[in-house]
Amino acid sequence: MRKFTTLTGIAVPLNIINVDTDMIIPKVYLKTVKRTGLGKALFAEMRYDENQAEVSDFILNKPKYRNAKIIVAGDNFGCGSSREHAPWALLDFGIRAIIAPSFADIFYNNAFKNGILPICISKQRVHALFDTLTHNDDTKITIDLNQQTLKSPDGITDKFEIDLHRKKCLLDGLDDIDITMAKKNDIDSYEARTRLIKPWV
């Protein structure tokens, strides 16, 4: 998993509440188990028309936001089914952080496991960011995970909370397998002792 320390990138104002995982990546794209190549399907039903041509007024198709690294969204982002393809599609598109007042629990956990930082800030600040990112030419936000801050184009720096274990995993680029493998010596020692005590196991 790629480390997450600081990120400065274009932020896109997705002023929608209850963005569910079927909106993030429609079910027709769930046949693959590969994590790559799904970026083109991100928000596919809103990004493309029935002829697969881009919908010009969808926010991610606007030149200002095409290379977005950060999404600012409304309440309950990632609700719906638990499909892990949703964070895969976001990451493959280039999204490394999502800022919202709240997240669906399963999506929130899946985001961390895939190297995406979900940040909760107040609904009031999110709406202020919608306005700032819509009406300013500067749409870049800087996130410092060590300091747990995000600096916006309006000049305001917000603090955010994060679980310390999850923070360390992102900073060090550790997924669940990496965490397990870090204990490999202990696991090998335990298995060796077990074979001596219980050779039939």
Foldseek 3Di string as FASTA:
>chain_A
DAACFKDKWFEFEAEDEQAELCQQANPVPPPDPDLADLLLRGSQPQQADPVRDGDCPDRCNDPLNVLGQEYQYEYAPHDDDLDLNNLSNSVNSRHQEYEYQYYDPSVCVSSLLVRHHYWHDHPVVSVVLSVCCVPDSDRIWMAGLVQQWIAGPVGDIDHTDDDPVSSVCNNVVHHPVNVVVVCVVVVVVVVVVCCVVPVVD
